[in-house]
Amino acid sequence: MVLAWHNGDVRSSIRTLLGDLKEAREQLALAEMMMGTGYSRGWKPSGSNVKDEDNAHSV
C-alpha cells in the first residue's frame, strides 16, 4: 500500500514509514508521561528493544 501511494518509489516509502514510526513513538512517550504507573499496574515500556534513531542508516 505504501509503495502504491508513492508510485513504487522505495526511498519515499521508507521515509514515510520512518516518519510514521517517529510520530508513534512520540505519541507513546506522551501517553507514558500523562498516565501514572498505577493506570498500567506498574508496567512501563523498557525501550530496550527500540533502536536509537540517531544510529539508524539514513535513506
N, C-alpha and C. Protein backbone atom coordinates (compact mmCIF):
# COMPACT_ATOMS: atom_id res chain seq x y z
N MET A 1 0.81 -1.18 0.00
CA MET A 1 0.00 0.00 0.00
C MET A 1 0.87 1.27 0.00
N VAL A 2 1.92 1.25 0.82
CA VAL A 2 2.78 2.42 0.89
C VAL A 2 3.50 2.62 -0.44
N LEU A 3 3.97 1.52 -1.01
CA LEU A 3 4.64 1.64 -2.31
C LEU A 3 3.69 2.16 -3.38
N ALA A 4 2.46 1.71 -3.36
CA ALA A 4 1.47 2.18 -4.33
C ALA A 4 1.22 3.68 -4.15
N TRP A 5 1.14 4.12 -2.89
CA TRP A 5 0.90 5.53 -2.60
C TRP A 5 2.03 6.40 -3.16
N HIS A 6 3.26 5.85 -3.13
CA HIS A 6 4.42 6.59 -3.60
C HIS A 6 4.83 6.17 -5.02
N ASN A 7 3.90 5.58 -5.74
CA ASN A 7 4.13 5.17 -7.13
C ASN A 7 5.39 4.33 -7.30
N GLY A 8 5.63 3.40 -6.37
CA GLY A 8 6.74 2.48 -6.46
C GLY A 8 8.07 3.04 -5.99
N ASP A 9 8.11 4.26 -5.50
CA ASP A 9 9.36 4.86 -5.02
C ASP A 9 9.69 4.32 -3.63
N VAL A 10 10.67 3.41 -3.58
CA VAL A 10 11.01 2.72 -2.34
C VAL A 10 11.55 3.70 -1.29
N ARG A 11 12.41 4.59 -1.68
CA ARG A 11 13.01 5.53 -0.73
C ARG A 11 11.95 6.45 -0.09
N SER A 12 11.02 6.93 -0.90
CA SER A 12 9.95 7.77 -0.35
C SER A 12 9.06 6.96 0.59
N SER A 13 8.83 5.71 0.24
CA SER A 13 8.01 4.84 1.09
C SER A 13 8.68 4.63 2.44
N ILE A 14 9.97 4.36 2.43
CA ILE A 14 10.71 4.15 3.68
C ILE A 14 10.73 5.44 4.50
N ARG A 15 10.94 6.57 3.83
CA ARG A 15 10.94 7.86 4.53
C ARG A 15 9.58 8.08 5.23
N THR A 16 8.50 7.77 4.54
CA THR A 16 7.17 7.92 5.12
C THR A 16 6.98 7.00 6.32
N LEU A 17 7.39 5.74 6.18
CA LEU A 17 7.24 4.79 7.28
C LEU A 17 8.07 5.19 8.49
N LEU A 18 9.28 5.68 8.26
CA LEU A 18 10.11 6.15 9.38
C LEU A 18 9.49 7.36 10.07
N GLY A 19 8.89 8.24 9.29
CA GLY A 19 8.19 9.39 9.87
C GLY A 19 7.00 8.96 10.71
N ASP A 20 6.26 7.97 10.21
CA ASP A 20 5.12 7.43 10.97
C ASP A 20 5.59 6.78 12.26
N LEU A 21 6.70 6.05 12.20
CA LEU A 21 7.25 5.41 13.38
C LEU A 21 7.67 6.45 14.42
N LYS A 22 8.31 7.51 13.95
CA LYS A 22 8.74 8.57 14.86
C LYS A 22 7.52 9.19 15.56
N GLU A 23 6.47 9.45 14.79
CA GLU A 23 5.26 10.04 15.37
C GLU A 23 4.62 9.09 16.39
N ALA A 24 4.59 7.80 16.08
CA ALA A 24 4.02 6.82 17.01
C ALA A 24 4.83 6.77 18.31
N ARG A 25 6.16 6.82 18.19
CA ARG A 25 6.99 6.82 19.39
C ARG A 25 6.77 8.07 20.22
N GLU A 26 6.60 9.22 19.56
CA GLU A 26 6.34 10.46 20.29
C GLU A 26 5.00 10.39 21.01
N GLN A 27 4.00 9.81 20.36
CA GLN A 27 2.69 9.68 20.99
C GLN A 27 2.74 8.73 22.17
N LEU A 28 3.50 7.64 22.05
CA LEU A 28 3.66 6.70 23.16
C LEU A 28 4.36 7.37 24.33
N ALA A 29 5.39 8.16 24.04
CA ALA A 29 6.11 8.87 25.10
C ALA A 29 5.19 9.86 25.80
N LEU A 30 4.36 10.55 25.04
CA LEU A 30 3.41 11.50 25.63
C LEU A 30 2.39 10.77 26.50
N ALA A 31 1.87 9.65 26.01
CA ALA A 31 0.90 8.88 26.79
C ALA A 31 1.55 8.36 28.06
N GLU A 32 2.80 7.93 27.96
CA GLU A 32 3.51 7.42 29.14
C GLU A 32 3.66 8.51 30.19
N MET A 33 3.94 9.74 29.76
CA MET A 33 4.08 10.85 30.71
C MET A 33 2.75 11.23 31.34
N MET A 34 1.67 11.09 30.59
CA MET A 34 0.37 11.55 31.04
C MET A 34 -0.32 10.59 32.01
N MET A 35 -0.03 9.30 31.90
CA MET A 35 -0.71 8.36 32.79
C MET A 35 0.25 7.85 33.85
N GLY A 36 -0.27 7.70 35.02
CA GLY A 36 0.55 7.21 36.13
C GLY A 36 0.84 5.73 35.98
N THR A 37 1.82 5.26 36.72
CA THR A 37 2.16 3.84 36.64
C THR A 37 1.05 2.96 37.19
N GLY A 38 0.23 3.47 38.08
CA GLY A 38 -0.88 2.70 38.62
C GLY A 38 -1.92 2.36 37.55
N TYR A 39 -2.05 3.23 36.56
CA TYR A 39 -3.01 3.02 35.47
C TYR A 39 -2.69 1.75 34.70
N SER A 40 -1.42 1.49 34.56
CA SER A 40 -1.00 0.31 33.81
C SER A 40 -0.43 -0.77 34.74
N ARG A 41 -0.81 -0.71 36.00
CA ARG A 41 -0.37 -1.66 37.04
C ARG A 41 1.14 -1.73 37.15
N GLY A 42 1.79 -0.58 36.99
CA GLY A 42 3.22 -0.51 37.19
C GLY A 42 4.06 -0.80 35.97
N TRP A 43 3.44 -1.26 34.89
CA TRP A 43 4.21 -1.58 33.69
C TRP A 43 4.60 -0.32 32.95
N LYS A 44 5.82 -0.27 32.50
CA LYS A 44 6.30 0.80 31.63
C LYS A 44 7.14 0.14 30.54
N PRO A 45 7.09 0.65 29.32
CA PRO A 45 7.93 0.08 28.27
C PRO A 45 9.40 0.27 28.62
N SER A 46 10.20 -0.76 28.39
CA SER A 46 11.61 -0.69 28.77
C SER A 46 12.44 0.08 27.77
N GLY A 47 12.04 0.04 26.50
CA GLY A 47 12.80 0.72 25.47
C GLY A 47 14.04 -0.05 25.04
N SER A 48 14.27 -1.20 25.65
CA SER A 48 15.48 -1.96 25.33
C SER A 48 15.44 -2.55 23.92
N ASN A 49 14.26 -2.74 23.38
CA ASN A 49 14.17 -3.31 22.03
C ASN A 49 14.00 -2.24 20.96
N VAL A 50 14.10 -0.98 21.33
CA VAL A 50 13.95 0.12 20.38
C VAL A 50 15.32 0.66 20.03
N LYS A 51 15.63 0.68 18.74
CA LYS A 51 16.93 1.19 18.30
C LYS A 51 16.94 2.71 18.39
N ASP A 52 18.08 3.25 18.64
CA ASP A 52 18.27 4.68 18.67
C ASP A 52 18.22 5.20 17.22
N GLU A 53 17.32 6.10 16.94
CA GLU A 53 17.15 6.60 15.58
C GLU A 53 18.37 7.35 15.08
N ASP A 54 19.19 7.88 15.99
CA ASP A 54 20.39 8.60 15.57
C ASP A 54 21.41 7.65 14.96
N ASN A 55 21.35 6.37 15.34
CA ASN A 55 22.29 5.40 14.84
C ASN A 55 21.76 4.65 13.62
N ALA A 56 20.54 4.94 13.21
CA ALA A 56 19.95 4.27 12.05
C ALA A 56 20.59 4.82 10.78
N HIS A 57 20.62 3.99 9.77
CA HIS A 57 21.17 4.42 8.48
C HIS A 57 20.22 5.40 7.82
N SER A 58 20.76 6.42 7.21
CA SER A 58 19.91 7.40 6.52
C SER A 58 19.47 6.81 5.18
N VAL A 59 18.31 7.26 4.74
CA VAL A 59 17.73 6.76 3.48
C VAL A 59 18.00 7.76 2.40
